[in-house]
Structure formats: C-alpha cells, structure tokens
Protein backbone atom coordinates (compact mmCIF):
# COMPACT_ATOMS: atom_id res chain seq x y z
CA MET A 1 -49.04 16.38 -37.30
CA GLY A 2 -52.50 16.28 -35.73
CA ARG A 3 -52.04 20.45 -35.09
CA SER A 4 -52.11 20.84 -38.94
CA ARG A 5 -54.84 23.02 -40.43
CA TYR A 6 -55.09 20.44 -43.34
CA LEU A 7 -55.84 17.49 -41.27
CA ARG A 8 -59.53 16.75 -41.45
CA ALA A 9 -59.70 13.86 -38.82
CA VAL A 10 -57.72 11.74 -36.78
CA HIS A 11 -58.96 8.12 -36.26
CA PRO A 12 -57.63 5.97 -33.32
CA GLY A 13 -55.56 3.03 -34.02
CA PRO A 14 -55.98 -0.40 -32.70
CA GLU A 15 -55.45 -0.88 -29.06
CA GLY A 16 -52.21 -2.07 -28.04
CA GLU A 17 -49.16 -2.53 -30.29
CA LEU A 18 -49.68 -3.48 -34.08
CA ASP A 19 -48.62 -7.09 -34.64
CA PRO A 20 -48.27 -7.87 -38.30
CA GLU A 21 -48.44 -11.54 -37.34
CA ALA A 22 -52.07 -10.97 -36.05
CA PRO A 23 -53.44 -8.20 -38.04
CA GLU A 24 -57.17 -8.94 -36.99
CA ALA A 25 -57.16 -5.87 -34.59
CA LEU A 26 -56.13 -3.63 -37.38
CA LEU A 27 -58.83 -5.22 -39.73
CA GLU A 28 -61.39 -4.43 -37.09
CA CYS A 29 -60.11 -0.78 -36.61
CA LEU A 30 -60.08 0.06 -40.36
CA THR A 31 -63.63 -1.43 -40.80
CA GLY A 32 -64.50 0.92 -37.98
CA VAL A 33 -62.81 3.99 -39.92
CA SER A 34 -64.27 2.84 -43.12
CA GLU A 35 -67.97 3.01 -41.54
CA ARG A 36 -67.33 6.50 -40.09
CA ILE A 37 -66.15 8.00 -43.62
CA GLY A 38 -68.98 6.28 -45.56
CA ARG A 39 -67.44 5.95 -48.73
CA PRO A 40 -64.08 4.25 -50.39
CA ALA A 41 -60.90 6.10 -49.26
CA VAL A 42 -57.25 5.70 -50.27
CA LEU A 43 -55.12 3.86 -47.62
CA VAL A 44 -51.41 4.36 -47.48
CA ALA A 45 -49.38 2.58 -44.68
CA MET A 46 -46.60 5.10 -43.43
CA ASP A 47 -44.21 2.44 -41.73
CA ASP A 48 -43.15 -1.19 -42.40
CA LEU A 49 -45.32 -2.69 -39.75
CA SER A 50 -48.27 -0.93 -41.20
CA ALA A 51 -47.26 -2.04 -44.71
CA ILE A 52 -47.00 -5.68 -43.74
CA ALA A 53 -50.25 -5.79 -41.60
CA VAL A 54 -52.24 -3.89 -44.25
CA SER A 55 -51.23 -6.41 -47.12
CA ARG A 56 -52.56 -9.40 -44.92
CA VAL A 57 -55.89 -7.96 -44.45
CA ALA A 58 -56.30 -6.10 -47.86
CA PRO A 59 -58.31 -8.97 -49.43
CA MET A 60 -61.12 -7.94 -46.83
CA LEU A 61 -61.05 -4.39 -47.34
CA ARG A 62 -61.15 -4.09 -51.22
CA GLN A 63 -64.46 -2.97 -51.18
CA ARG A 64 -63.93 -0.16 -48.25
CA PHE A 65 -60.24 1.26 -49.16
CA ARG A 66 -58.39 1.75 -52.55
CA ILE A 67 -55.18 -0.14 -51.84
CA PRO A 68 -52.23 -1.20 -53.97
CA HIS A 69 -52.39 -4.73 -55.10
CA GLN A 70 -49.52 -6.54 -53.34
CA PRO A 71 -50.03 -10.61 -53.53
CA ASP A 72 -48.05 -13.15 -51.98
CA ASN A 73 -47.23 -11.16 -48.88
CA LEU A 74 -45.17 -8.62 -50.80
CA PRO A 75 -44.18 -6.06 -48.21
CA ALA A 76 -43.26 -8.89 -45.65
CA ARG A 77 -40.81 -10.53 -48.25
CA VAL A 78 -38.95 -7.54 -49.31
CA ALA A 79 -38.65 -6.10 -45.77
CA ASP A 80 -37.09 -9.62 -44.85
CA LYS A 81 -33.27 -8.72 -44.99
CA ALA A 82 -32.70 -12.39 -45.91
CA GLU A 83 -35.38 -12.73 -48.63
CA LEU A 84 -33.97 -9.36 -49.87
CA SER A 85 -30.66 -10.60 -50.52
CA ARG A 86 -31.84 -13.35 -52.21
CA LEU A 87 -33.79 -11.56 -54.47
CA CYS A 88 -30.83 -9.05 -55.16
CA SER A 89 -28.59 -12.20 -56.00
CA ARG A 90 -30.99 -13.62 -58.31
CA TRP A 91 -31.94 -10.51 -60.25
CA ASP A 92 -28.18 -9.01 -60.22
CA VAL A 93 -28.99 -6.02 -58.04
CA PRO A 94 -25.67 -5.11 -56.05
CA HIS A 95 -25.87 -5.76 -52.48
CA PRO A 96 -23.30 -6.08 -49.50
CA GLU A 97 -21.87 -9.46 -49.42
CA THR A 98 -24.08 -11.53 -47.06
CA VAL A 99 -23.77 -14.59 -45.21
CA ILE A 100 -26.89 -16.48 -43.07
CA PRO A 101 -24.92 -18.50 -40.55
CA ALA A 102 -26.88 -21.98 -39.30
CA SER A 103 -24.46 -22.47 -36.20
CA GLY A 104 -22.52 -20.73 -33.73
CA ALA A 105 -19.43 -22.08 -35.54
CA GLU A 106 -20.70 -20.61 -38.93
CA ALA A 107 -21.26 -17.32 -37.23
CA THR A 108 -17.75 -17.29 -36.09
CA GLU A 109 -16.20 -18.46 -39.57
CA ALA A 110 -18.44 -15.58 -41.14
CA ALA A 111 -16.94 -12.89 -39.08
CA TRP A 112 -13.52 -14.16 -40.04
CA ARG A 113 -14.57 -14.13 -43.77
CA LEU A 114 -16.42 -10.92 -44.03
CA GLY A 115 -14.10 -9.08 -41.79
CA LEU A 116 -14.23 -7.01 -38.80
CA PRO A 117 -16.24 -5.04 -38.08
CA LEU A 118 -19.24 -6.44 -39.73
CA VAL A 119 -22.97 -5.48 -39.61
CA ALA A 120 -25.38 -8.04 -38.02
CA LYS A 121 -29.01 -7.73 -38.95
CA TRP A 122 -32.33 -9.63 -37.82
CA SER A 123 -34.05 -10.83 -41.03
CA ARG A 124 -37.41 -9.87 -39.72
CA PRO A 125 -36.89 -7.22 -37.06
CA TRP A 126 -40.80 -6.57 -36.50
CA LEU A 127 -40.63 -9.75 -34.61
CA LEU A 128 -38.03 -8.61 -32.07
CA PRO A 129 -39.21 -8.63 -28.44
CA ALA A 130 -40.14 -5.22 -27.04
CA GLY A 131 -37.56 -4.16 -24.49
CA ALA A 132 -34.97 -7.02 -25.29
CA ASP A 133 -31.79 -6.16 -23.49
CA GLY A 134 -29.01 -6.14 -26.56
CA LEU A 135 -31.41 -7.00 -29.63
CA ARG A 136 -31.54 -4.42 -32.13
CA SER A 137 -32.50 -4.46 -35.69
CA THR A 138 -28.97 -3.69 -36.81
CA THR A 139 -25.88 -3.85 -34.86
CA LEU A 140 -22.09 -3.26 -35.71
CA VAL A 141 -20.20 -6.22 -34.51
CA HIS A 142 -16.43 -5.98 -33.54
CA THR A 143 -15.44 -9.71 -32.55
CA THR A 144 -15.84 -13.28 -33.37
CA ALA A 145 -17.30 -13.84 -29.73
CA GLU A 146 -19.75 -11.27 -30.26
CA ALA A 147 -21.00 -12.76 -33.48
CA ARG A 148 -21.48 -16.07 -31.96
CA ARG A 149 -23.20 -14.54 -28.72
CA LEU A 150 -25.60 -12.58 -30.98
CA TYR A 151 -26.26 -15.95 -33.07
CA GLU A 152 -27.38 -17.90 -29.87
CA ARG A 153 -30.12 -15.43 -29.11
CA SER A 154 -31.86 -16.25 -32.63
CA ALA A 155 -34.72 -18.08 -31.06
CA GLU A 156 -35.20 -15.08 -28.73
CA ALA A 157 -35.34 -12.69 -31.87
CA GLY A 158 -37.66 -14.78 -33.62
CA SER A 159 -36.04 -14.61 -36.85
CA ARG A 160 -32.58 -15.55 -38.77
CA LEU A 161 -29.71 -13.56 -38.11
CA LEU A 162 -27.45 -12.39 -41.23
CA PHE A 163 -23.86 -10.92 -41.50
CA GLN A 164 -23.02 -8.29 -43.94
CA ARG A 165 -19.68 -7.02 -44.95
CA PHE A 166 -19.53 -3.53 -43.36
CA LEU A 167 -19.40 -0.68 -45.93
CA PRO A 168 -17.91 2.43 -44.15
CA ALA A 169 -19.89 5.85 -44.43
CA GLY A 170 -18.37 9.07 -45.84
CA PRO A 171 -19.17 11.94 -48.05
CA ASP A 172 -21.47 10.80 -51.14
CA THR A 173 -22.01 7.37 -49.95
CA ASP A 174 -25.71 7.20 -48.90
CA TRP A 175 -28.26 7.32 -51.39
CA PHE A 176 -31.98 6.56 -51.63
CA PHE A 177 -34.71 5.92 -54.26
CA HIS A 178 -38.26 6.91 -54.12
CA GLY A 179 -41.16 5.64 -56.37
CA ALA A 180 -44.92 5.22 -56.89
CA PHE A 181 -45.92 2.19 -59.08
CA THR A 182 -48.85 1.20 -60.85
CA ARG A 183 -49.71 -2.49 -62.09
CA GLY A 184 -46.82 -4.50 -63.43
CA GLY A 185 -44.18 -2.33 -61.78
CA HIS A 186 -44.80 0.45 -64.09
CA PRO A 187 -43.31 3.67 -62.55
CA LEU A 188 -45.60 6.65 -62.27
CA LEU A 189 -43.12 9.14 -60.56
CA ALA A 190 -39.59 7.94 -59.19
CA GLY A 191 -36.27 9.75 -58.47
CA SER A 192 -32.89 9.14 -56.66
CA GLY A 193 -31.32 11.37 -54.14
CA ARG A 194 -28.56 11.70 -51.83
CA LYS A 195 -28.16 12.07 -48.11
CA GLU A 196 -26.16 15.24 -47.21
CA LEU A 197 -26.54 15.18 -43.37
CA SER A 198 -28.18 12.43 -41.24
CA TRP A 199 -28.89 12.19 -37.76
CA PRO A 200 -27.42 10.17 -35.90
CA VAL A 201 -24.51 11.32 -38.00
CA ARG A 202 -23.54 8.80 -40.91
CA THR A 203 -26.09 6.08 -39.70
CA GLY A 204 -29.52 7.64 -39.10
CA LEU A 205 -32.50 9.14 -40.84
CA THR A 206 -32.04 11.84 -43.46
CA ALA A 207 -31.68 15.31 -42.14
CA VAL A 208 -30.95 17.19 -45.47
CA GLY A 209 -31.08 15.28 -48.60
CA ARG A 210 -30.84 16.59 -52.24
CA TRP A 211 -32.76 15.02 -55.31
CA LEU A 212 -29.75 14.09 -57.71
CA PRO A 213 -30.53 11.77 -60.58
CA ASP A 214 -27.99 8.75 -60.74
CA PRO A 215 -28.47 6.43 -63.71
CA ALA A 216 -26.89 3.35 -61.43
CA VAL A 217 -29.17 4.05 -58.31
CA GLU A 218 -32.30 4.71 -60.65
CA GLU A 219 -31.73 1.61 -62.70
CA ALA A 220 -31.61 -0.59 -59.87
CA GLY A 221 -34.57 0.81 -58.23
CA LEU A 222 -36.62 0.46 -61.62
CA ARG A 223 -35.46 -3.05 -62.39
CA LEU A 224 -36.21 -4.45 -58.77
CA ALA A 225 -39.76 -2.91 -58.87
CA GLU A 226 -40.11 -4.38 -62.49
CA ARG A 227 -39.05 -7.98 -61.48
CA LEU A 228 -41.21 -7.91 -58.54
CA GLY A 229 -44.22 -6.52 -60.45
CA TYR A 230 -44.41 -4.03 -57.59
CA GLU A 231 -47.53 -1.82 -57.21
CA GLY A 232 -47.49 1.06 -54.47
CA ILE A 233 -44.68 3.39 -53.00
CA LEU A 234 -41.38 2.13 -52.13
CA ASP A 235 -38.27 3.66 -50.34
CA LEU A 236 -34.80 2.04 -51.06
CA ASP A 237 -31.61 2.77 -49.28
CA PHE A 238 -27.97 2.51 -51.01
CA ARG A 239 -24.58 2.77 -49.98
CA ARG A 240 -21.69 3.42 -52.51
CA ASP A 241 -18.62 1.02 -51.59
CA GLU A 242 -14.92 1.94 -52.15
CA ARG A 243 -15.15 0.98 -55.67
CA GLY A 244 -18.14 3.28 -56.43
CA CYS A 245 -20.58 0.56 -56.71
CA PHE A 246 -24.11 1.07 -55.37
CA ARG A 247 -25.28 -1.55 -52.97
CA LEU A 248 -28.94 -1.98 -51.75
CA VAL A 249 -28.89 -2.13 -47.98
CA ASP A 250 -32.52 -1.39 -47.20
CA PHE A 251 -35.94 -2.03 -48.84
CA ASN A 252 -38.96 -0.04 -47.21
CA PRO A 253 -42.52 -0.96 -48.89
CA ARG A 254 -43.93 2.47 -47.94
CA PRO A 255 -43.17 6.18 -48.35
CA GLY A 256 -39.81 7.30 -46.75
CA ALA A 257 -39.95 10.42 -44.48
CA GLN A 258 -38.41 12.61 -47.20
CA PHE A 259 -40.91 11.55 -49.72
CA ARG A 260 -41.82 15.28 -50.17
CA LEU A 261 -38.30 15.77 -51.85
CA PHE A 262 -39.70 14.03 -54.80
CA ALA A 263 -42.38 16.59 -56.06
CA ASP A 264 -42.02 18.05 -59.22
CA ALA A 265 -42.77 21.59 -60.40
CA SER A 266 -46.36 21.37 -59.98
CA GLY A 267 -46.23 19.74 -56.60
CA LEU A 268 -46.93 16.15 -57.39
CA ASP A 269 -45.41 13.74 -55.27
CA VAL A 270 -45.31 9.85 -54.88
CA VAL A 271 -48.24 9.86 -52.63
CA GLN A 272 -50.43 12.11 -54.60
CA ALA A 273 -49.38 10.09 -57.96
CA MET A 274 -50.56 6.86 -56.05
CA TYR A 275 -53.88 8.64 -55.12
CA LEU A 276 -54.63 9.51 -58.63
CA ASP A 277 -53.71 6.25 -60.00
CA LEU A 278 -55.86 4.28 -57.16
CA THR A 279 -58.92 6.44 -57.88
CA GLY A 280 -58.81 5.99 -61.49
CA GLN A 281 -57.47 9.53 -62.43
CA ARG A 282 -54.71 10.00 -65.04
CA VAL A 283 -51.25 11.04 -63.65
CA PRO A 284 -49.59 14.02 -64.81
CA GLN A 285 -46.35 13.80 -66.60
CA PRO A 286 -43.57 14.71 -64.16
CA ALA A 287 -41.95 17.88 -64.98
CA GLY A 288 -39.09 19.56 -63.25
CA GLY A 289 -37.74 18.47 -59.65
CA PRO A 290 -34.24 17.20 -59.76
CA GLY A 291 -32.03 19.81 -57.37
CA ARG A 292 -34.79 20.26 -54.65
CA VAL A 293 -33.49 19.91 -51.21
CA PHE A 294 -35.20 18.29 -48.09
CA VAL A 295 -34.57 19.80 -44.78
CA ALA A 296 -35.76 18.37 -41.39
CA GLU A 297 -34.94 21.30 -39.36
CA ASN A 298 -34.62 19.53 -35.87
CA TYR A 299 -32.26 16.90 -37.15
CA ALA A 300 -30.42 19.03 -39.65
CA LEU A 301 -29.48 21.42 -36.73
CA LEU A 302 -28.05 18.57 -34.35
CA ALA A 303 -26.23 16.87 -37.34
CA ALA A 304 -24.91 20.17 -38.84
CA VAL A 305 -23.60 21.05 -34.90
CA ARG A 306 -22.18 17.31 -34.35
CA GLY A 307 -20.84 16.17 -37.90
CA GLY A 308 -20.72 19.07 -40.45
CA SER A 309 -22.16 22.42 -41.97
CA LEU A 310 -25.36 22.84 -43.72
CA PRO A 311 -25.17 22.50 -47.50
CA ARG A 312 -25.65 25.64 -49.07
CA ARG A 313 -28.62 26.49 -51.44
CA ARG A 314 -27.65 26.19 -55.13
CA PRO A 315 -28.87 29.03 -57.54
CA ALA A 316 -31.31 27.99 -60.35
CA ALA A 317 -29.88 27.36 -63.81
CA GLY A 318 -30.60 29.02 -66.89
CA PRO A 319 -32.46 27.64 -69.66
CA ALA A 320 -29.33 26.00 -71.19
CA GLY A 321 -28.65 24.14 -68.10
CA GLU A 322 -32.44 23.72 -66.51
CA VAL A 323 -32.03 22.48 -62.91
CA GLY A 324 -35.60 21.42 -62.95
CA ALA A 325 -35.39 19.56 -66.25
CA ALA A 326 -36.79 16.21 -66.26
CA GLY A 327 -34.09 13.67 -65.24
CA PRO A 328 -33.54 9.98 -65.94
CA GLY A 329 -35.09 9.13 -62.85
CA GLN A 330 -38.52 10.61 -63.46
CA ALA A 331 -40.78 8.00 -64.70
CA ARG A 332 -43.00 8.07 -67.62
CA GLY A 333 -46.77 7.98 -66.80
CA PRO A 334 -49.99 8.93 -68.46
CA VAL A 335 -50.97 12.37 -68.82
CA GLY A 336 -53.88 14.02 -66.83
CA PRO A 337 -55.00 16.32 -63.96
CA ASP A 338 -53.18 17.18 -61.01
CA GLU A 339 -54.70 16.91 -57.16
CA PRO A 340 -54.20 19.05 -54.10
CA ASP A 341 -51.88 17.68 -51.47
CA GLU A 342 -53.55 15.14 -49.47
CA PRO A 343 -52.49 14.92 -45.52
CA ALA A 344 -49.97 11.89 -44.78
CA VAL A 345 -50.79 9.56 -42.08
CA PRO A 346 -48.62 9.98 -38.72
CA THR A 347 -45.97 7.21 -38.67
CA GLY A 348 -47.04 3.89 -36.86
CA GLN A 349 -50.48 4.14 -38.20
CA ALA A 350 -52.09 2.99 -41.40
CA GLY A 351 -55.05 5.34 -42.42
CA PRO A 352 -56.94 6.91 -45.02
CA VAL A 353 -54.98 9.67 -46.88
CA GLY A 354 -58.01 11.21 -48.57
CA ASP A 355 -61.62 10.43 -49.71
CA GLN A 356 -61.99 9.18 -53.39
CA ASP A 357 -63.95 12.17 -54.47
CA ALA A 358 -62.97 14.47 -51.94
CA ALA A 359 -61.79 17.29 -54.22
CA PRO A 360 -62.18 18.35 -57.91
CA ALA A 361 -59.20 17.90 -60.14
CA ARG A 362 -57.13 21.24 -60.57
CA VAL A 363 -55.58 22.27 -63.51
CA ALA A 364 -52.07 21.68 -63.79
CA LYS A 365 -49.70 24.82 -62.89
CA PRO A 366 -46.94 25.67 -65.59
CA ALA A 367 -43.90 23.71 -65.24
CA VAL A 368 -42.21 26.39 -62.92
CA GLU A 369 -40.31 25.11 -59.96
CA ARG A 370 -42.06 26.18 -56.62
CA GLY A 371 -39.75 25.92 -53.55
CA ARG A 372 -36.06 24.60 -54.04
CA VAL A 373 -35.90 23.60 -50.20
CA GLU A 374 -38.89 21.24 -48.83
CA THR A 375 -38.67 21.65 -45.01
CA ALA A 376 -40.22 19.00 -43.09
CA TRP A 377 -42.04 21.08 -40.44
CA PHE A 378 -42.02 24.65 -41.55
CA ALA A 379 -44.99 26.06 -43.78
CA SER A 380 -45.74 29.80 -43.72
CA ASP A 381 -49.57 28.89 -44.05
CA ASP A 382 -49.32 26.12 -41.58
CA LEU A 383 -47.46 26.97 -38.67
CA LEU A 384 -48.73 24.77 -35.81
CA PRO A 385 -46.78 21.93 -36.70
CA PHE A 386 -43.57 23.66 -36.65
CA LEU A 387 -44.35 25.51 -33.32
CA ALA A 388 -45.31 22.03 -31.82
CA MET A 389 -42.09 20.57 -32.95
CA LEU A 390 -39.97 23.27 -31.85
CA GLY A 391 -41.55 23.34 -28.31
CA ALA A 392 -40.98 19.60 -28.06
CA PHE A 393 -37.37 19.87 -29.28
CA LEU A 394 -36.47 22.60 -26.78
CA GLY A 395 -38.53 20.81 -24.02
CA ARG A 396 -36.22 17.72 -24.66
CA GLY A 397 -32.94 19.73 -24.72
CA ALA A 398 -33.90 21.46 -21.35
CA ASP A 399 -34.85 18.06 -19.65
CA LYS A 400 -31.53 16.52 -20.83
CA GLY A 401 -29.71 19.62 -19.36
CA VAL A 402 -31.49 19.75 -16.18
CA ARG A 403 -30.68 15.65 -16.00
CA ALA A 404 -27.00 16.41 -16.90
CA LEU A 405 -26.72 19.28 -14.08
CA ARG A 406 -28.17 16.68 -11.42
CA GLY A 407 -25.62 14.15 -12.54
CA VAL A 408 -22.79 16.60 -12.05
CA PRO A 409 -21.15 16.58 -8.45
CA ALA A 410 -21.33 19.71 -6.46
CA GLN A 411 -17.70 20.41 -6.78
CA SER A 412 -17.99 20.27 -10.27
CA ARG A 413 -20.97 22.75 -10.61
CA ARG A 414 -18.70 25.14 -8.70
CA THR A 415 -16.20 24.61 -10.51
CA ALA A 416 -18.32 25.34 -13.92
CA ARG A 417 -19.69 28.58 -12.08
CA ALA A 418 -16.05 29.68 -11.40
CA VAL A 419 -15.04 29.27 -15.21
CA VAL A 420 -18.23 30.82 -16.29
CA ARG A 421 -17.57 33.95 -14.10
CA ALA A 422 -13.64 33.91 -14.53
CA PRO A 423 -13.34 36.71 -17.43
CA ARG A 424 -15.22 39.13 -14.99
CA GLN A 425 -13.03 38.18 -11.91
CA ARG A 426 -9.76 38.62 -14.49
CA GLY A 427 -10.95 42.22 -15.30
CA ARG A 428 -12.12 42.98 -11.91
CA GLU A 429 -9.45 41.63 -9.54
CA GLN A 430 -6.23 41.96 -11.36
CA PRO A 431 -3.76 43.59 -8.89
CA PRO A 432 -2.06 46.74 -10.12
CA ALA A 433 1.35 46.21 -11.73
CA ALA A 434 4.43 47.07 -9.72
CA SER A 435 6.73 50.00 -10.93
CA ALA A 436 9.54 47.45 -11.39
CA GLY A 437 9.58 44.14 -12.71
CA PRO A 438 7.42 42.25 -15.00
CA ALA A 439 3.60 42.80 -14.84
CA SER A 440 1.80 40.21 -12.85
CA ARG A 441 -0.81 38.18 -14.34
CA PRO A 442 -4.28 37.21 -12.69
CA VAL A 443 -4.50 33.88 -11.04
CA PRO A 444 -7.25 31.78 -12.54
CA PRO A 445 -9.85 30.24 -10.00
CA GLU A 446 -8.81 27.02 -8.50
CA ALA A 447 -10.83 24.11 -10.05
CA SER A 448 -10.92 20.34 -9.53
CA ALA A 449 -8.01 18.14 -11.05
CA GLU A 450 -10.63 15.92 -12.54
CA PRO A 451 -12.27 16.51 -16.00
CA ASP A 452 -15.56 18.75 -15.45
CA GLU A 453 -18.33 16.99 -17.45
CA LEU A 454 -20.21 20.23 -17.65
CA VAL A 455 -17.63 22.23 -19.13
CA THR A 456 -16.41 19.60 -21.50
CA ARG A 457 -19.92 19.30 -22.97
C-alpha cells in the first residue's frame, strides 16, 4: 500500500499496539496528524480495533476530523458477539442459535444442546491477550470436555464465552453485505454479495466474491442499520443454513477488505460515498454495479489450487437483461457530483482518507460499467503495489519450501531426487529385450518404505 503512486503521505501510528480500552495514545497521535495536515480531513477506520478506539475519542476530534456520528460506543456494541446476538433477537434478524454459559456445567450442557461440533467465540476478541496459547477469537469445539475447558479460561480471555450452533459451509452458503449510511441509518450505497472462494478454504476472507443482489440479505442489513441509527460504513457476514435462511454471523463496523467490489458504473464506492456525505456534498444516485467480481489475486490462487476452480467471467447482458441495472441492494441517496478515488488507510491503522477540499468535484461519467473484475492488487496505472505483493508472496513460498526441505531427512531427500530422475533413468537404462520371452521392464529406483513428505506434498 505504501508504494502506491496515489498515496500522498503515510503518518505513523501510535507507539505499541492499539488498545481500544485505553485510546489516549491514539488521540495524541491523531492530534499530531491533524496539526501536520493543517485542515479538517475525513477519518475512516479500516479495522475493528481502530473503529472502536476512534469512536471513543471522536468527541475530542470533531474540530479536526470529519467522523461519522456513532454515539453510545456503538462500534464496540456491534463488534461484541454477545451484544450482537441480543440485538438480533430483539429485532428479529436471523442469527445462529446462541448460548452464553455462566458456569462449566452450563458449558457442558450447551454443547449437548447445540450439538457437536459447535462454534465457540469470545464476545470481545480484541481483549484476548497476545500470544495466549489456545485462545483464538473463534474455535470449533468437538467435545463437551473441550467446551468446559474453554469456559474455564474466561478470566484469562477477558470477556464472556458464547457457543453457537455450527452452520456447515458449502457452495452458495457465505454471503456479505456492505453499506455506507448517513444520519438515521439512511443508506447512501449498499449491496449484497457472495463469496465464491475464500482463504483459508471455507473459513477465511474473501478470495473471490461477486456482487449479487439478494433480498433477504439486503433486507436484514438495511433493517439492522435503520434500527441502530447507524452512521458510517459497515460490513456484515451471513451464512445460509440448511433450510435456506441467511443468518448474521459477524458485524464489522468498518469497510471490508472487498469494499471496492461495491463500486457503481461511475466508480462510486462506500468509502467515497461516505467522504462526500461527511464533507457536505451530495451523493450521486448509484447506477449499475451488480455482477462485478472481486479477486484478491494471491488468495484466489491458493484457494483455487486447494479448494476449487476460479469462477468464469460472465458476459455482459444486453439492454433487456442489463447486468449493471440498479438492484434492490442499491440504496437510494441524494443526487450530486462524484469525487475521485481516495487512498484507503492500511489495515491496523486509522487515518485520514483525504482532505475535505483536496480536489474539486468531477462530472459523473455516463452510466456504463467500467471493469467487470475488480482486482485487489493489480492496476495497470499503478503497478508497484502488485509487484510488492508478488515479491512477498513468492518470497514466503520459497521460505516455506526451504524450511520443508530442511525438515525432510536425508534419506527422503535422496528418494525425492531419485523419483525426479526416474523418467530419464528409465529411458536410458532399460536393458535390451531378449529375443525370446516377454520384454523385461525397467526396475524403479529403490525408495524408503516410509511415506516421503516432500513427494506427497
């Protein structure tokens, strides 16, 4: 990200790890950034920790930054898994069946009631101690004893443990919803999409995603934002259960990694829509967009090799079946000029996206879809980020290969070399066939009877 030609400046974050429970260091850091910029700038948090910390210092930064109004510690409330479960039950938003045990015995009982395996989550994962052995934000529990042991570490984890019924992954089960909202939870731009590939396979972030309007996903996302009076950008994750019901599994109070998937025909995305709204400009009516595909090149390659093939590119439809036509997931908003793309802030930081008066408004382009595929790294006019990612990706692969070779015993390395050479040896060392009797076959090289790690991988 730091190599992009469109990135004007990088401001160092607060020293040490960001602690949303003690955001004074972030306040001091952002005050210094504001002094260097010299005028109000739009502030967009790019991960949960930053969103929670920024919301807690926002009242002291109103004169320095343009920040969405999120009172009552709203980002922390929706990022809290237990509180999110309560809100979903209150407002009839489908959610996995959830139990919050109050004792080890209740943890065991919950495991029996929900069925095994089940999903265990710490309600406030940002409180987990760094490097704690066996404590992860989400864990798949396979036994009642494991559920009880996990509960007994609640004091160490710093928040409540909750259990949820396991929803198995499969084709067409993982969906997401992105939206930018202004005062009162009114949508500026919103849409739903489907994960086509993820990394790690079936459990991780979006490697390939497609913007696909789905009324159930969109209705749930819009209703939740309206009931909360949510202002800002959000990213929701859904999983479709065996009965076809979309259940909300995660609420991220910030842009998702694939937010550029939801860009309309003129290039307007949720971050730009938020920028226009916070700077008092009118947001254009979204036009086109559904059908676009997002590809994170490095993760898509790994996911395709490990778990399936890349989805094929769909041809654009004609006027009768306009793929880029506005779908039900697109929000209604006031009409006005568009703005140029603004550089996003690297994950793990909160920083200014752009100055309030950094560039004049530009005339909106005709409603014609630009690129059907949005790549995470590659851009023909800005190659350095892609090349840096590629170098790091290949470097990590080479490093893992070297470590694997060092971990293979000498006998196994000799076996691997013999297997690689075997085709040439067969052609070169095959003895001539006898004039009588069946033709003799070449003898393969001797190998260890134990499985060879390098060859099997």
